[in-house]
Amino acid sequence: MFEFFANIFLYIAYCVLILAILVHVVSYMLPLGTYKFPVQIVSLILILLGGYYVADHHGYERRVAEDQAEIERLNEEARAKEAELTAKIDKANGALRKAKNDIQAKVVSLNARVDSGELRLPSSCPVQADSSAPDGNRTDASESERQTVKALIQIAADGDTAVTNLNACITQYQQVMKTVNEGVK
């Protein structure tokens, strides 16, 4: 019902077109006298206007359909590009997660080596734990040295993590830029 009212001008144009054609044909068959020429001119004008409106309306509908098809094509292309980018970013995030886990495992391994006494500061290292404990307790000095080594390991691990994050960010940016600039494969 709503479609009828949406196209009411189209139906009026059809009616005018048909009536104008009928009047034009009838004007040749019936003797109208002095009114014959004006009736034919008016009917021709109505035929042209009605035909133009009907043709224009169908052209408009065709154009809307073409635009809709183009919009759907572009949406599909965007969805494909988005899916490709998401897959690449997920892959990069997985690699980043693995690299962070490797760094963490390395930190845990080094801390275990420090706790076992296998890893110590070299005697020529300018960063030394306080070897002259106030009461001469070598255990406190050893614990202080362990904490120093663990702090150095954590600083190095934080640096490794920062570099890994930066490299992952750069890689993701380059992949996205390349995909956006080249398009979907």
C-alpha atoms as a PDB file:
ATOM      1  CA  MET A   1       0.000   0.000   0.000  1.00  0.00           C
ATOM      2  CA  PHE A   2       2.814   2.417   0.888  1.00  0.00           C
ATOM      3  CA  GLU A   3       4.576   1.636  -2.381  1.00  0.00           C
ATOM      4  CA  PHE A   4       1.482   2.764  -4.271  1.00  0.00           C
ATOM      5  CA  PHE A   5       1.635   6.204  -2.658  1.00  0.00           C
ATOM      6  CA  ALA A   6       5.404   6.381  -3.111  1.00  0.00           C
ATOM      7  CA  ASN A   7       4.917   5.881  -6.874  1.00  0.00           C
ATOM      8  CA  ILE A   8       1.732   7.911  -7.253  1.00  0.00           C
ATOM      9  CA  PHE A   9       3.386  10.486  -9.527  1.00  0.00           C
ATOM     10  CA  LEU A  10       4.623   7.668 -11.744  1.00  0.00           C
ATOM     11  CA  TYR A  11       1.069   6.321 -12.065  1.00  0.00           C
ATOM     12  CA  ILE A  12      -0.219   9.808 -12.825  1.00  0.00           C
ATOM     13  CA  ALA A  13       2.484  10.177 -15.497  1.00  0.00           C
ATOM     14  CA  TYR A  14       1.424   6.840 -17.027  1.00  0.00           C
ATOM     15  CA  CYS A  15      -2.219   7.978 -17.113  1.00  0.00           C
ATOM     16  CA  VAL A  16      -1.324  11.353 -18.649  1.00  0.00           C
ATOM     17  CA  LEU A  17       0.883   9.642 -21.215  1.00  0.00           C
ATOM     18  CA  ILE A  18      -1.844   7.188 -22.241  1.00  0.00           C
ATOM     19  CA  LEU A  19      -4.550   9.873 -22.318  1.00  0.00           C
ATOM     20  CA  ALA A  20      -2.330  12.235 -24.322  1.00  0.00           C
ATOM     21  CA  ILE A  21      -1.652   9.488 -26.878  1.00  0.00           C
ATOM     22  CA  LEU A  22      -5.376   8.725 -27.114  1.00  0.00           C
ATOM     23  CA  VAL A  23      -6.290  12.421 -27.500  1.00  0.00           C
ATOM     24  CA  HIS A  24      -3.609  12.884 -30.149  1.00  0.00           C
ATOM     25  CA  VAL A  25      -4.863   9.864 -32.136  1.00  0.00           C
ATOM     26  CA  VAL A  26      -8.490  10.938 -31.749  1.00  0.00           C
ATOM     27  CA  SER A  27      -7.639  14.484 -32.881  1.00  0.00           C
ATOM     28  CA  TYR A  28      -6.770  13.066 -36.306  1.00  0.00           C
ATOM     29  CA  MET A  29      -9.977  11.043 -36.535  1.00  0.00           C
ATOM     30  CA  LEU A  30     -12.569  13.543 -35.352  1.00  0.00           C
ATOM     31  CA  PRO A  31     -13.223  16.874 -37.019  1.00  0.00           C
ATOM     32  CA  LEU A  32     -12.381  19.342 -34.226  1.00  0.00           C
ATOM     33  CA  GLY A  33     -12.236  22.375 -36.440  1.00  0.00           C
ATOM     34  CA  THR A  34     -10.160  25.239 -35.060  1.00  0.00           C
ATOM     35  CA  TYR A  35      -9.358  23.268 -31.900  1.00  0.00           C
ATOM     36  CA  LYS A  36      -7.594  20.486 -33.758  1.00  0.00           C
ATOM     37  CA  PHE A  37      -4.126  22.101 -33.883  1.00  0.00           C
ATOM     38  CA  PRO A  38      -4.045  23.296 -30.229  1.00  0.00           C
ATOM     39  CA  VAL A  39      -5.269  19.853 -29.056  1.00  0.00           C
ATOM     40  CA  GLN A  40      -2.523  18.151 -31.037  1.00  0.00           C
ATOM     41  CA  ILE A  41       0.152  20.542 -29.657  1.00  0.00           C
ATOM     42  CA  VAL A  42      -1.053  20.095 -26.072  1.00  0.00           C
ATOM     43  CA  SER A  43      -1.237  16.318 -26.498  1.00  0.00           C
ATOM     44  CA  LEU A  44       2.304  16.242 -27.951  1.00  0.00           C
ATOM     45  CA  ILE A  45       3.587  18.322 -25.017  1.00  0.00           C
ATOM     46  CA  LEU A  46       1.853  15.977 -22.560  1.00  0.00           C
ATOM     47  CA  ILE A  47       3.237  12.925 -24.399  1.00  0.00           C
ATOM     48  CA  LEU A  48       6.765  14.338 -24.203  1.00  0.00           C
ATOM     49  CA  LEU A  49       6.472  15.354 -20.545  1.00  0.00           C
ATOM     50  CA  GLY A  50       4.819  12.092 -19.487  1.00  0.00           C
ATOM     51  CA  GLY A  51       7.341  10.033 -21.442  1.00  0.00           C
ATOM     52  CA  TYR A  52      10.227  11.997 -19.971  1.00  0.00           C
ATOM     53  CA  TYR A  53       8.950  11.532 -16.409  1.00  0.00           C
ATOM     54  CA  VAL A  54       8.343   7.802 -16.889  1.00  0.00           C
ATOM     55  CA  ALA A  55      11.763   7.323 -18.485  1.00  0.00           C
ATOM     56  CA  ASP A  56      13.445   9.503 -15.872  1.00  0.00           C
ATOM     57  CA  HIS A  57      11.791   7.565 -13.051  1.00  0.00           C
ATOM     58  CA  HIS A  58      13.003   4.228 -14.429  1.00  0.00           C
ATOM     59  CA  GLY A  59      16.459   5.699 -14.961  1.00  0.00           C
ATOM     60  CA  TYR A  60      16.464   6.913 -11.376  1.00  0.00           C
ATOM     61  CA  GLU A  61      15.468   3.461 -10.108  1.00  0.00           C
ATOM     62  CA  ARG A  62      18.166   1.877 -12.266  1.00  0.00           C
ATOM     63  CA  ARG A  63      20.728   4.361 -10.922  1.00  0.00           C
ATOM     64  CA  VAL A  64      19.672   3.597  -7.343  1.00  0.00           C
ATOM     65  CA  ALA A  65      20.084  -0.122  -8.047  1.00  0.00           C
ATOM     66  CA  GLU A  66      23.541   0.499  -9.571  1.00  0.00           C
ATOM     67  CA  ASP A  67      24.554   2.618  -6.599  1.00  0.00           C
ATOM     68  CA  GLN A  68      23.326  -0.061  -4.206  1.00  0.00           C
ATOM     69  CA  ALA A  69      25.317  -2.725  -6.050  1.00  0.00           C
ATOM     70  CA  GLU A  70      28.428  -0.518  -5.921  1.00  0.00           C
ATOM     71  CA  ILE A  71      27.931   0.082  -2.204  1.00  0.00           C
ATOM     72  CA  GLU A  72      27.599  -3.661  -1.609  1.00  0.00           C
ATOM     73  CA  ARG A  73      30.750  -4.338  -3.660  1.00  0.00           C
ATOM     74  CA  LEU A  74      32.718  -1.728  -1.730  1.00  0.00           C
ATOM     75  CA  ASN A  75      31.402  -3.074   1.578  1.00  0.00           C
ATOM     76  CA  GLU A  76      32.492  -6.601   0.638  1.00  0.00           C
ATOM     77  CA  GLU A  77      35.893  -5.275  -0.367  1.00  0.00           C
ATOM     78  CA  ALA A  78      36.211  -3.403   2.926  1.00  0.00           C
ATOM     79  CA  ARG A  79      35.152  -6.489   4.895  1.00  0.00           C
ATOM     80  CA  ALA A  80      37.729  -8.602   3.035  1.00  0.00           C
ATOM     81  CA  LYS A  81      40.437  -6.016   3.715  1.00  0.00           C
ATOM     82  CA  GLU A  82      39.389  -5.820   7.357  1.00  0.00           C
ATOM     83  CA  ALA A  83      39.508  -9.621   7.673  1.00  0.00           C
ATOM     84  CA  GLU A  84      42.959  -9.725   6.078  1.00  0.00           C
ATOM     85  CA  LEU A  85      44.215  -6.974   8.383  1.00  0.00           C
ATOM     86  CA  THR A  86      42.722  -8.705  11.420  1.00  0.00           C
ATOM     87  CA  ALA A  87      44.416 -11.967  10.466  1.00  0.00           C
ATOM     88  CA  LYS A  88      47.765 -10.228  10.026  1.00  0.00           C
ATOM     89  CA  ILE A  89      47.434  -8.372  13.314  1.00  0.00           C
ATOM     90  CA  ASP A  90      46.397 -11.558  15.128  1.00  0.00           C
ATOM     91  CA  LYS A  91      49.441 -13.315  13.692  1.00  0.00           C
ATOM     92  CA  ALA A  92      51.697 -10.435  14.768  1.00  0.00           C
ATOM     93  CA  ASN A  93      50.106 -10.390  18.233  1.00  0.00           C
ATOM     94  CA  GLY A  94      50.756 -14.126  18.546  1.00  0.00           C
ATOM     95  CA  ALA A  95      54.394 -13.599  17.611  1.00  0.00           C
ATOM     96  CA  LEU A  96      54.622 -10.734  20.125  1.00  0.00           C
ATOM     97  CA  ARG A  97      53.068 -12.875  22.845  1.00  0.00           C
ATOM     98  CA  LYS A  98      55.544 -15.679  22.069  1.00  0.00           C
ATOM     99  CA  ALA A  99      58.475 -13.239  22.187  1.00  0.00           C
ATOM    100  CA  LYS A 100      57.287 -11.837  25.524  1.00  0.00           C
ATOM    101  CA  ASN A 101      56.897 -15.370  26.898  1.00  0.00           C
ATOM    102  CA  ASP A 102      60.423 -16.195  25.723  1.00  0.00           C
ATOM    103  CA  ILE A 103      61.760 -13.100  27.478  1.00  0.00           C
ATOM    104  CA  GLN A 104      59.888 -14.010  30.654  1.00  0.00           C
ATOM    105  CA  ALA A 105      61.171 -17.595  30.498  1.00  0.00           C
ATOM    106  CA  LYS A 106      64.692 -16.261  30.073  1.00  0.00           C
ATOM    107  CA  VAL A 107      64.226 -13.992  33.110  1.00  0.00           C
ATOM    108  CA  VAL A 108      62.936 -16.911  35.194  1.00  0.00           C
ATOM    109  CA  SER A 109      65.878 -19.055  34.063  1.00  0.00           C
ATOM    110  CA  LEU A 110      68.418 -16.331  34.884  1.00  0.00           C
ATOM    111  CA  ASN A 111      66.799 -15.678  38.280  1.00  0.00           C
ATOM    112  CA  ALA A 112      66.994 -19.403  39.044  1.00  0.00           C
ATOM    113  CA  ARG A 113      70.687 -19.342  38.136  1.00  0.00           C
ATOM    114  CA  VAL A 114      71.201 -16.328  40.409  1.00  0.00           C
ATOM    115  CA  ASP A 115      69.407 -18.061  43.301  1.00  0.00           C
ATOM    116  CA  SER A 116      71.564 -21.163  42.857  1.00  0.00           C
ATOM    117  CA  GLY A 117      74.698 -19.027  42.970  1.00  0.00           C
ATOM    118  CA  GLU A 118      75.745 -19.989  39.450  1.00  0.00           C
ATOM    119  CA  LEU A 119      75.353 -16.421  38.155  1.00  0.00           C
ATOM    120  CA  ARG A 120      77.173 -13.683  40.055  1.00  0.00           C
ATOM    121  CA  LEU A 121      78.640 -10.273  39.442  1.00  0.00           C
ATOM    122  CA  PRO A 122      82.236 -10.466  38.289  1.00  0.00           C
ATOM    123  CA  SER A 123      84.764  -9.167  40.798  1.00  0.00           C
ATOM    124  CA  SER A 124      85.880  -6.488  38.337  1.00  0.00           C
ATOM    125  CA  CYS A 125      82.325  -5.195  37.914  1.00  0.00           C
ATOM    126  CA  PRO A 126      81.967  -1.560  38.983  1.00  0.00           C
ATOM    127  CA  VAL A 127      78.485  -2.350  40.341  1.00  0.00           C
ATOM    128  CA  GLN A 128      79.180  -4.284  43.506  1.00  0.00           C
ATOM    129  CA  ALA A 129      76.957  -5.204  46.343  1.00  0.00           C
ATOM    130  CA  ASP A 130      78.210  -3.943  49.665  1.00  0.00           C
ATOM    131  CA  SER A 131      80.824  -6.606  50.497  1.00  0.00           C
ATOM    132  CA  SER A 132      81.656  -5.086  53.820  1.00  0.00           C
ATOM    133  CA  ALA A 133      78.503  -5.767  55.716  1.00  0.00           C
ATOM    134  CA  PRO A 134      78.316  -3.826  58.962  1.00  0.00           C
ATOM    135  CA  ASP A 135      78.472  -6.908  61.119  1.00  0.00           C
ATOM    136  CA  GLY A 136      80.680  -8.842  58.740  1.00  0.00           C
ATOM    137  CA  ASN A 137      77.763 -11.082  57.725  1.00  0.00           C
ATOM    138  CA  ARG A 138      78.647 -12.452  54.293  1.00  0.00           C
ATOM    139  CA  THR A 139      75.102 -13.848  53.801  1.00  0.00           C
ATOM    140  CA  ASP A 140      73.620 -10.341  53.716  1.00  0.00           C
ATOM    141  CA  ALA A 141      76.250  -9.273  51.196  1.00  0.00           C
ATOM    142  CA  SER A 142      75.479 -12.335  49.089  1.00  0.00           C
ATOM    143  CA  GLU A 143      71.758 -11.579  49.247  1.00  0.00           C
ATOM    144  CA  SER A 144      72.448  -7.968  48.298  1.00  0.00           C
ATOM    145  CA  GLU A 145      74.491  -9.160  45.325  1.00  0.00           C
ATOM    146  CA  ARG A 146      71.645 -11.497  44.259  1.00  0.00           C
ATOM    147  CA  GLN A 147      69.152  -8.635  44.434  1.00  0.00           C
ATOM    148  CA  THR A 148      71.499  -6.465  42.377  1.00  0.00           C
ATOM    149  CA  VAL A 149      71.911  -9.167  39.720  1.00  0.00           C
ATOM    150  CA  LYS A 150      68.128  -9.766  39.647  1.00  0.00           C
ATOM    151  CA  ALA A 151      67.535  -6.019  39.277  1.00  0.00           C
ATOM    152  CA  LEU A 152      70.006  -5.913  36.367  1.00  0.00           C
ATOM    153  CA  ILE A 153      68.285  -8.906  34.771  1.00  0.00           C
ATOM    154  CA  GLN A 154      64.902  -7.211  35.173  1.00  0.00           C
ATOM    155  CA  ILE A 155      66.218  -3.972  33.635  1.00  0.00           C
ATOM    156  CA  ALA A 156      67.586  -5.934  30.662  1.00  0.00           C
ATOM    157  CA  ALA A 157      64.294  -7.842  30.351  1.00  0.00           C
ATOM    158  CA  ASP A 158      62.318  -4.587  30.442  1.00  0.00           C
ATOM    159  CA  GLY A 159      64.558  -3.262  27.673  1.00  0.00           C
ATOM    160  CA  ASP A 160      64.083  -6.441  25.633  1.00  0.00           C
ATOM    161  CA  THR A 161      60.311  -6.220  26.124  1.00  0.00           C
ATOM    162  CA  ALA A 162      60.252  -2.562  25.066  1.00  0.00           C
ATOM    163  CA  VAL A 163      62.319  -3.277  21.951  1.00  0.00           C
ATOM    164  CA  THR A 164      60.129  -6.274  21.117  1.00  0.00           C
ATOM    165  CA  ASN A 165      56.966  -4.170  21.535  1.00  0.00           C
ATOM    166  CA  LEU A 166      58.397  -1.416  19.360  1.00  0.00           C
ATOM    167  CA  ASN A 167      59.460  -3.844  16.636  1.00  0.00           C
ATOM    168  CA  ALA A 168      56.031  -5.514  16.714  1.00  0.00           C
ATOM    169  CA  CYS A 169      54.338  -2.128  16.436  1.00  0.00           C
ATOM    170  CA  ILE A 170      56.528  -1.164  13.470  1.00  0.00           C
ATOM    171  CA  THR A 171      55.879  -4.509  11.784  1.00  0.00           C
ATOM    172  CA  GLN A 172      52.109  -4.225  12.286  1.00  0.00           C
ATOM    173  CA  TYR A 173      52.120  -0.673  10.945  1.00  0.00           C
ATOM    174  CA  GLN A 174      54.054  -1.718   7.846  1.00  0.00           C
ATOM    175  CA  GLN A 175      51.733  -4.675   7.211  1.00  0.00           C
ATOM    176  CA  VAL A 176      48.623  -2.540   7.562  1.00  0.00           C
ATOM    177  CA  MET A 177      50.090   0.219   5.407  1.00  0.00           C
ATOM    178  CA  LYS A 178      51.089  -2.286   2.719  1.00  0.00           C
ATOM    179  CA  THR A 179      47.651  -3.950   2.761  1.00  0.00           C
ATOM    180  CA  VAL A 180      45.797  -0.647   2.614  1.00  0.00           C
ATOM    181  CA  ASN A 181      47.992   0.747  -0.165  1.00  0.00           C
ATOM    182  CA  GLU A 182      48.041  -2.407  -2.304  1.00  0.00           C
ATOM    183  CA  GLY A 183      44.520  -3.639  -1.636  1.00  0.00           C
ATOM    184  CA  VAL A 184      43.188  -7.071  -0.815  1.00  0.00           C
ATOM    185  CA  LYS A 185      44.863 -10.042  -2.495  1.00  0.00           C
END
